[in-house]
Amino acid sequence: MSEKVRADKHVKLFIPGPTEVRPEVLDAQADWMIGHRMPECTALIGRIRPKLAKVFLTEKRVLLNAATGTGFMEAAIRNVANGKVLNCVNGAFSDRWREITAACGRENEVLEAEWGQPILPEAVAERLAQGGFDAITVAHNETSTGVTNPIEAIAQVVRQAPNGENIMILVDAVSSMAGVAIPFDDWDLDVLLTSSQKAFALPAGLTFAAVSDRAMEKAKTVPARGWYFDFLVLEKYLLKNQTPATTAVSLLYALDKQLDDMMAEGMENRWARHLAMRDRTIEWAESRGLTLFAPEGYRSPTVTCISNDKNYDISALNAFLRERGMIISNGYGALKGKNFRIAHMGDLQMEDMEALFAAIDEFLAQ
């Protein structure tokens, strides 16, 4: 694609995924195709693995596959949930895990919080005290509401519950991983999954999951895990720096490039940049007399959900922003028109946010 055509078609994405991808990352995909069993591909995955581990803050395996995060959500259920699952639901994407659990034929109970509110560890502890649970699912960052759930505290109460040392803690970090520190090992999680098209600032099509030794041992006891997403099969090939089936080689080139750039920025700096953009977005919204959908203390570092208190025409706002090469997100599902979402994730910088706020202010001043 020529630079002119690419520039003419470009709309900068301030939506919670897929996110803005830098031209040099897009260009990395254009390297020569290689076979997935060739030594060049083995070397590529070998370069990627230790860098992924640094993002996940783990010394355990980080599995990768060609799919979006939903694929590894299903994989987590199929591999390590062989009994009753507690699905923690406080938005659209945590509810997706409830749907997946039921679709995989697993017994489940639902712990629900109102959209816009967090899942609290006290509620988790109360439900788990009943006993009989095999796994718990929770979204770290609920994309539909801009709420971050307190995973560290939730994990602590899980381990203190009856049989808690054997309850699988399954965490969806699709819209937060690479935008905030989530210490997989220190928090004693079992599956922590994400995908490429959010805070990694990559094209969609890859999914990653840190998986504990506990979870791998559990998988050995679970029948009918499938094949494409079987953790045991994936690890068998990962140990050879391979994937079981043909992988998305071009996306791996982009991932390798992006991980190099993330390492150069420094993960601490990257996380701090996300928090600074989050705080500036909140400051801008509140200075315009708007309120935040998520309560203080639980506001996402990667996407801010703003209540549409003044009944702005979000479609008209986005039409205005498109003319200036930008776009934000309307509310999700039942929240459409009732709030709007501004993402500040991936490779966006503070100057990008300031340009967006100036454009929105221009629209509001009409």
Protein backbone atom coordinates (compact mmCIF):
# COMPACT_ATOMS: atom_id res chain seq x y z
CA MET A 1 0.00 0.00 0.00
CA SER A 2 1.41 3.40 -0.94
CA GLU A 3 2.08 5.97 1.78
CA LYS A 4 -0.47 8.33 0.18
CA VAL A 5 -3.25 5.74 0.12
CA ARG A 6 -2.43 4.66 3.67
CA ALA A 7 -2.47 8.27 4.90
CA ASP A 8 -5.71 9.10 3.09
CA LYS A 9 -7.52 6.14 4.66
CA HIS A 10 -6.10 6.55 8.13
CA VAL A 11 -8.42 7.15 11.09
CA LYS A 12 -6.56 7.24 14.40
CA LEU A 13 -8.19 4.78 16.78
CA PHE A 14 -9.12 5.92 20.28
CA ILE A 15 -11.39 2.89 20.63
CA PRO A 16 -10.78 -0.01 23.04
CA GLY A 17 -9.62 -2.31 20.29
CA PRO A 18 -8.46 -2.90 17.74
CA THR A 19 -6.08 -0.11 18.57
CA GLU A 20 -3.77 2.17 16.64
CA VAL A 21 -0.82 0.33 15.06
CA ARG A 22 2.32 2.27 14.15
CA PRO A 23 3.44 2.19 10.49
CA GLU A 24 6.76 0.56 11.35
CA VAL A 25 4.93 -2.27 13.11
CA LEU A 26 2.61 -2.69 10.13
CA ASP A 27 5.64 -2.71 7.84
CA ALA A 28 7.28 -5.48 9.88
CA GLN A 29 4.60 -7.84 8.56
CA ALA A 30 5.93 -7.43 5.03
CA ASP A 31 9.07 -9.50 5.58
CA TRP A 32 9.46 -12.60 3.41
CA MET A 33 7.18 -15.51 4.24
CA ILE A 34 8.81 -18.49 5.91
CA GLY A 35 7.57 -21.97 6.71
CA HIS A 36 6.41 -22.54 10.25
CA ARG A 37 8.79 -25.49 10.58
CA MET A 38 11.79 -23.66 9.12
CA PRO A 39 14.66 -22.71 11.46
CA GLU A 40 13.94 -19.03 10.76
CA CYS A 41 10.50 -19.40 12.37
CA THR A 42 11.93 -21.35 15.27
CA ALA A 43 14.42 -18.53 15.83
CA LEU A 44 11.60 -15.96 15.60
CA ILE A 45 9.52 -17.65 18.30
CA GLY A 46 12.67 -18.15 20.34
CA ARG A 47 13.25 -14.38 20.31
CA ILE A 48 9.64 -13.66 21.20
CA ARG A 49 9.23 -15.97 24.20
CA PRO A 50 11.54 -14.30 26.75
CA LYS A 51 10.18 -10.87 25.86
CA LEU A 52 6.59 -12.04 26.34
CA ALA A 53 7.55 -13.42 29.74
CA LYS A 54 8.75 -9.96 30.77
CA VAL A 55 5.40 -8.45 29.82
CA PHE A 56 3.54 -11.10 31.82
CA LEU A 57 5.98 -10.83 34.74
CA THR A 58 6.39 -14.58 34.83
CA GLU A 59 8.96 -17.32 34.79
CA LYS A 60 6.30 -19.78 33.65
CA ARG A 61 5.31 -20.63 30.12
CA VAL A 62 3.49 -18.09 27.94
CA LEU A 63 1.54 -19.98 25.29
CA LEU A 64 0.74 -18.31 21.98
CA ASN A 65 -1.61 -19.14 19.15
CA ALA A 66 -3.29 -17.65 16.12
CA ALA A 67 -6.67 -16.46 17.44
CA THR A 68 -8.15 -13.60 19.42
CA GLY A 69 -8.43 -13.61 23.19
CA THR A 70 -11.80 -15.34 23.07
CA GLY A 71 -10.00 -18.43 21.79
CA PHE A 72 -7.89 -18.71 24.93
CA MET A 73 -10.96 -17.91 27.06
CA GLU A 74 -12.51 -21.08 25.69
CA ALA A 75 -9.19 -22.91 25.98
CA ALA A 76 -8.95 -22.07 29.68
CA ILE A 77 -12.36 -23.61 30.34
CA ARG A 78 -11.75 -26.68 28.19
CA ASN A 79 -8.32 -27.34 29.71
CA VAL A 80 -8.63 -26.71 33.44
CA ALA A 81 -12.32 -26.54 34.43
CA ASN A 82 -13.62 -30.03 35.11
CA GLY A 83 -16.16 -29.15 37.80
CA LYS A 84 -18.23 -26.15 38.88
CA VAL A 85 -17.06 -22.73 37.68
CA LEU A 86 -17.77 -19.41 39.37
CA ASN A 87 -18.22 -16.84 36.59
CA CYS A 88 -17.75 -13.30 37.90
CA VAL A 89 -19.82 -11.01 35.68
CA ASN A 90 -19.83 -7.20 35.72
CA GLY A 91 -19.96 -6.36 32.02
CA ALA A 92 -20.24 -7.73 28.51
CA PHE A 93 -16.90 -9.49 28.27
CA SER A 94 -16.95 -11.15 31.68
CA ASP A 95 -20.41 -12.36 30.64
CA ARG A 96 -18.86 -13.84 27.49
CA TRP A 97 -16.88 -16.17 29.75
CA ARG A 98 -20.16 -17.25 31.36
CA GLU A 99 -21.49 -18.03 27.88
CA ILE A 100 -18.33 -19.97 27.00
CA THR A 101 -18.50 -21.95 30.24
CA ALA A 102 -22.09 -22.99 29.50
CA ALA A 103 -21.30 -23.73 25.83
CA CYS A 104 -18.49 -26.06 26.94
CA GLY A 105 -20.97 -27.95 29.10
CA ARG A 106 -19.44 -27.00 32.45
CA GLU A 107 -21.56 -26.52 35.54
CA ASN A 108 -21.44 -22.91 36.65
CA GLU A 109 -22.70 -20.30 39.08
CA VAL A 110 -22.69 -16.57 38.42
CA LEU A 111 -21.50 -13.88 40.81
CA GLU A 112 -22.87 -10.69 39.33
CA ALA A 113 -22.14 -7.02 40.00
CA GLU A 114 -23.94 -4.11 38.40
CA TRP A 115 -22.35 -2.86 35.19
CA GLY A 116 -19.99 -0.06 36.18
CA GLN A 117 -19.18 -1.66 39.55
CA PRO A 118 -16.25 -3.96 40.41
CA ILE A 119 -16.27 -7.57 41.52
CA LEU A 120 -15.30 -7.29 45.19
CA PRO A 121 -13.17 -9.90 46.95
CA GLU A 122 -15.61 -10.06 49.87
CA ALA A 123 -18.37 -11.22 47.52
CA VAL A 124 -16.05 -13.81 45.97
CA ALA A 125 -15.06 -15.13 49.40
CA GLU A 126 -18.70 -15.42 50.47
CA ARG A 127 -19.65 -17.41 47.38
CA LEU A 128 -16.58 -19.67 47.45
CA ALA A 129 -17.21 -20.47 51.13
CA GLN A 130 -20.03 -22.74 49.93
CA GLY A 131 -17.34 -25.06 48.56
CA GLY A 132 -17.40 -27.29 45.50
CA PHE A 133 -15.81 -24.89 43.02
CA ASP A 134 -13.22 -25.99 40.48
CA ALA A 135 -12.40 -22.65 38.83
CA ILE A 136 -13.21 -18.94 38.84
CA THR A 137 -13.30 -16.60 35.84
CA VAL A 138 -12.92 -12.84 36.11
CA ALA A 139 -12.10 -9.99 33.75
CA HIS A 140 -9.20 -7.90 34.94
CA ASN A 141 -10.30 -4.97 32.81
CA GLU A 142 -13.95 -4.93 31.76
CA THR A 143 -13.78 -3.20 28.38
CA SER A 144 -17.50 -2.45 28.22
CA THR A 145 -17.51 -0.34 31.39
CA GLY A 146 -13.96 0.87 32.02
CA VAL A 147 -13.84 -0.97 35.36
CA THR A 148 -10.70 -2.73 36.60
CA ASN A 149 -11.36 -5.57 39.01
CA PRO A 150 -9.01 -6.07 42.01
CA ILE A 151 -7.43 -9.30 40.82
CA GLU A 152 -4.69 -9.48 43.44
CA ALA A 153 -7.19 -9.27 46.31
CA ILE A 154 -9.58 -11.66 44.58
CA ALA A 155 -6.77 -14.19 44.10
CA GLN A 156 -5.91 -13.98 47.78
CA VAL A 157 -9.44 -14.83 48.90
CA VAL A 158 -9.62 -17.67 46.37
CA ARG A 159 -6.53 -19.30 47.88
CA GLN A 160 -8.08 -18.92 51.36
CA ALA A 161 -11.36 -20.58 50.30
CA PRO A 162 -12.20 -24.27 50.84
CA ASN A 163 -9.89 -26.26 48.54
CA GLY A 164 -8.61 -22.86 47.38
CA GLU A 165 -5.16 -24.19 46.55
CA ASN A 166 -6.78 -26.25 43.78
CA ILE A 167 -9.22 -23.67 42.39
CA MET A 168 -8.11 -22.47 38.98
CA ILE A 169 -7.95 -18.65 38.77
CA LEU A 170 -8.67 -17.68 35.15
CA VAL A 171 -8.15 -14.02 34.26
CA ASP A 172 -9.09 -12.17 31.08
CA ALA A 173 -6.58 -9.33 30.62
CA VAL A 174 -7.38 -8.76 26.95
CA SER A 175 -7.75 -4.98 27.26
CA SER A 176 -5.13 -4.38 29.96
CA MET A 177 -2.07 -6.59 29.52
CA ALA A 178 0.92 -4.51 28.32
CA GLY A 179 -0.84 -1.38 29.63
CA VAL A 180 -0.52 -2.16 33.33
CA ALA A 181 1.57 -4.47 35.48
CA ILE A 182 -0.17 -7.79 36.22
CA PRO A 183 2.35 -9.97 38.12
CA PHE A 184 1.29 -13.48 37.12
CA ASP A 185 3.69 -15.29 39.44
CA ASP A 186 3.39 -12.99 42.45
CA TRP A 187 -0.43 -13.03 42.36
CA ASP A 188 -0.45 -16.84 42.02
CA LEU A 189 -2.78 -16.91 39.01
CA ASP A 190 -3.40 -19.96 36.83
CA VAL A 191 -4.33 -18.63 33.39
CA LEU A 192 -3.77 -15.00 32.42
CA LEU A 193 -4.74 -14.36 28.82
CA THR A 194 -4.71 -11.49 26.38
CA SER A 195 -4.62 -10.77 22.66
CA SER A 196 -2.61 -8.66 20.27
CA GLN A 197 -5.05 -5.95 19.22
CA LYS A 198 -5.37 -3.97 22.47
CA ALA A 199 -2.56 -2.54 24.62
CA PHE A 200 0.03 -4.50 22.64
CA ALA A 201 -0.86 -2.16 19.73
CA LEU A 202 -0.64 -4.91 17.12
CA PRO A 203 -2.97 -6.14 14.41
CA ALA A 204 -5.61 -8.59 15.60
CA GLY A 205 -4.98 -12.31 15.27
CA LEU A 206 -2.66 -13.47 18.05
CA THR A 207 -3.49 -14.57 21.59
CA PHE A 208 -1.15 -15.19 24.52
CA ALA A 209 -1.65 -16.87 27.90
CA ALA A 210 0.59 -17.38 30.89
CA VAL A 211 -0.27 -20.76 32.39
CA SER A 212 0.79 -22.03 35.83
CA ASP A 213 2.32 -25.40 36.61
CA ARG A 214 -0.82 -26.09 38.65
CA ALA A 215 -2.98 -25.51 35.60
CA MET A 216 -0.83 -27.71 33.40
CA GLU A 217 -1.09 -30.57 35.88
CA LYS A 218 -4.85 -30.05 36.08
CA ALA A 219 -5.13 -30.19 32.28
CA LYS A 220 -3.68 -33.71 32.33
CA THR A 221 -6.76 -34.84 34.27
CA VAL A 222 -9.38 -33.14 32.09
CA PRO A 223 -10.82 -35.20 29.20
CA ALA A 224 -11.91 -33.87 25.80
CA ARG A 225 -9.74 -30.75 25.82
CA GLY A 226 -9.87 -30.52 22.06
CA TRP A 227 -6.65 -30.20 20.06
CA TYR A 228 -6.09 -26.72 18.61
CA PHE A 229 -6.23 -25.10 22.07
CA ASP A 230 -4.94 -28.05 24.12
CA PHE A 231 -2.44 -26.59 26.60
CA LEU A 232 -0.42 -29.80 26.65
CA VAL A 233 -0.10 -29.87 22.87
CA LEU A 234 0.74 -26.16 22.76
CA GLU A 235 3.48 -26.53 25.36
CA LYS A 236 4.94 -29.60 23.66
CA TYR A 237 5.57 -27.50 20.57
CA LEU A 238 6.44 -24.31 22.48
CA LEU A 239 9.38 -26.10 24.08
CA LYS A 240 10.71 -26.49 20.52
CA ASN A 241 9.89 -22.84 19.73
CA GLN A 242 7.10 -23.97 17.45
CA THR A 243 3.32 -24.01 17.27
CA PRO A 244 1.28 -27.18 16.61
CA ALA A 245 -0.33 -25.86 13.42
CA THR A 246 0.64 -23.25 10.86
CA THR A 247 0.96 -19.97 12.69
CA ALA A 248 0.40 -16.36 11.62
CA VAL A 249 4.00 -15.74 10.62
CA SER A 250 3.49 -12.14 9.49
CA LEU A 251 1.88 -11.28 12.82
CA LEU A 252 4.83 -12.84 14.64
CA TYR A 253 7.16 -10.50 12.73
CA ALA A 254 5.08 -7.56 13.98
CA LEU A 255 5.03 -8.96 17.51
CA ASP A 256 8.81 -9.38 17.53
CA LYS A 257 9.26 -5.78 16.38
CA GLN A 258 6.75 -4.42 18.88
CA LEU A 259 8.23 -6.35 21.79
CA ASP A 260 11.66 -4.94 20.95
CA ASP A 261 10.17 -1.44 21.05
CA MET A 262 8.33 -2.16 24.30
CA MET A 263 11.55 -3.39 25.87
CA ALA A 264 13.32 -0.25 24.64
CA GLU A 265 10.63 1.97 26.16
CA GLY A 266 10.79 -0.09 29.36
CA MET A 267 7.72 -1.77 30.77
CA GLU A 268 7.69 0.45 33.86
CA ASN A 269 7.69 3.50 31.59
CA ARG A 270 4.98 2.00 29.42
CA TRP A 271 2.75 1.31 32.41
CA ALA A 272 3.37 4.82 33.77
CA ARG A 273 2.46 6.35 30.39
CA HIS A 274 -0.85 4.52 30.39
CA LEU A 275 -1.68 5.76 33.89
CA ALA A 276 -0.74 9.31 32.96
CA MET A 277 -3.01 9.22 29.90
CA ARG A 278 -5.80 7.73 32.03
CA ASP A 279 -5.44 10.47 34.63
CA ARG A 280 -5.41 13.20 31.97
CA THR A 281 -8.55 11.74 30.37
CA ILE A 282 -10.33 11.76 33.72
CA GLU A 283 -9.17 15.33 34.35
CA TRP A 284 -10.47 16.45 30.94
CA ALA A 285 -13.85 14.76 31.45
CA GLU A 286 -14.40 16.13 34.93
CA SER A 287 -13.35 19.63 33.88
CA ARG A 288 -16.17 19.49 31.29
CA GLY A 289 -18.72 18.64 33.95
CA LEU A 290 -18.88 14.96 32.98
CA THR A 291 -18.83 12.01 35.37
CA LEU A 292 -16.96 8.73 35.16
CA PHE A 293 -18.92 5.49 34.86
CA ALA A 294 -16.42 3.51 36.95
CA PRO A 295 -16.01 4.37 40.65
CA GLU A 296 -12.80 5.90 41.93
CA GLY A 297 -10.20 3.26 42.72
CA TYR A 298 -11.44 0.92 39.99
CA ARG A 299 -10.87 3.05 36.87
CA SER A 300 -9.19 1.34 33.96
CA PRO A 301 -5.66 2.33 32.96
CA THR A 302 -6.47 1.66 29.30
CA VAL A 303 -10.05 2.80 28.60
CA THR A 304 -12.17 5.47 30.28
CA CYS A 305 -15.95 5.15 30.20
CA ILE A 306 -17.65 8.54 30.52
CA SER A 307 -21.31 8.97 31.41
CA ASN A 308 -23.14 10.96 28.74
CA ASP A 309 -24.66 13.30 31.33
CA LYS A 310 -25.30 16.06 28.82
CA ASN A 311 -26.88 13.87 26.14
CA TYR A 312 -24.30 14.52 23.47
CA ASP A 313 -25.03 12.99 20.08
CA ILE A 314 -22.20 10.46 20.08
CA SER A 315 -22.78 9.50 16.43
CA ALA A 316 -22.54 13.15 15.40
CA LEU A 317 -19.43 13.58 17.55
CA ASN A 318 -17.77 10.61 15.85
CA ALA A 319 -18.75 11.92 12.41
CA PHE A 320 -17.06 15.20 13.36
CA LEU A 321 -13.98 13.39 14.67
CA ARG A 322 -13.74 11.23 11.53
CA GLU A 323 -13.37 14.38 9.45
CA ARG A 324 -10.29 15.08 11.57
CA GLY A 325 -8.95 11.53 11.30
CA MET A 326 -10.01 10.25 14.74
CA ILE A 327 -12.67 8.03 16.30
CA ILE A 328 -13.84 7.11 19.81
CA SER A 329 -16.33 4.46 20.99
CA ASN A 330 -19.98 4.74 21.85
CA GLY A 331 -21.26 2.89 24.90
CA TYR A 332 -21.36 -0.90 24.59
CA GLY A 333 -24.64 -2.77 24.14
CA ALA A 334 -27.31 -1.44 26.48
CA LEU A 335 -25.03 1.47 27.34
CA LYS A 336 -25.00 2.83 23.78
CA GLY A 337 -25.77 6.54 23.90
CA LYS A 338 -25.69 6.48 27.70
CA ASN A 339 -21.94 6.78 27.84
CA PHE A 340 -18.92 6.87 25.57
CA ARG A 341 -15.49 5.32 25.81
CA ILE A 342 -12.08 6.82 25.15
CA ALA A 343 -9.19 4.39 24.91
CA HIS A 344 -5.70 5.45 25.93
CA MET A 345 -3.77 2.31 25.29
CA GLY A 346 -1.00 0.84 23.24
CA ASP A 347 1.35 3.30 21.56
CA LEU A 348 -0.82 6.40 21.94
CA GLN A 349 1.04 9.30 23.48
CA MET A 350 -0.07 12.26 25.58
CA GLU A 351 0.03 14.55 22.54
CA ASP A 352 -2.43 12.23 20.78
CA MET A 353 -4.81 12.55 23.72
CA GLU A 354 -4.49 16.33 23.74
CA ALA A 355 -5.29 16.47 20.03
CA LEU A 356 -8.39 14.33 20.63
CA PHE A 357 -9.59 16.47 23.53
CA ALA A 358 -9.11 19.64 21.48
CA ALA A 359 -11.21 18.15 18.68
CA ILE A 360 -13.99 17.08 21.04
CA ASP A 361 -13.97 20.54 22.62
CA GLU A 362 -14.32 22.05 19.15
CA PHE A 363 -17.39 19.89 18.56
CA LEU A 364 -18.92 20.78 21.92
CA ALA A 365 -18.42 24.48 21.27
CA GLN A 366 -20.60 24.40 18.14
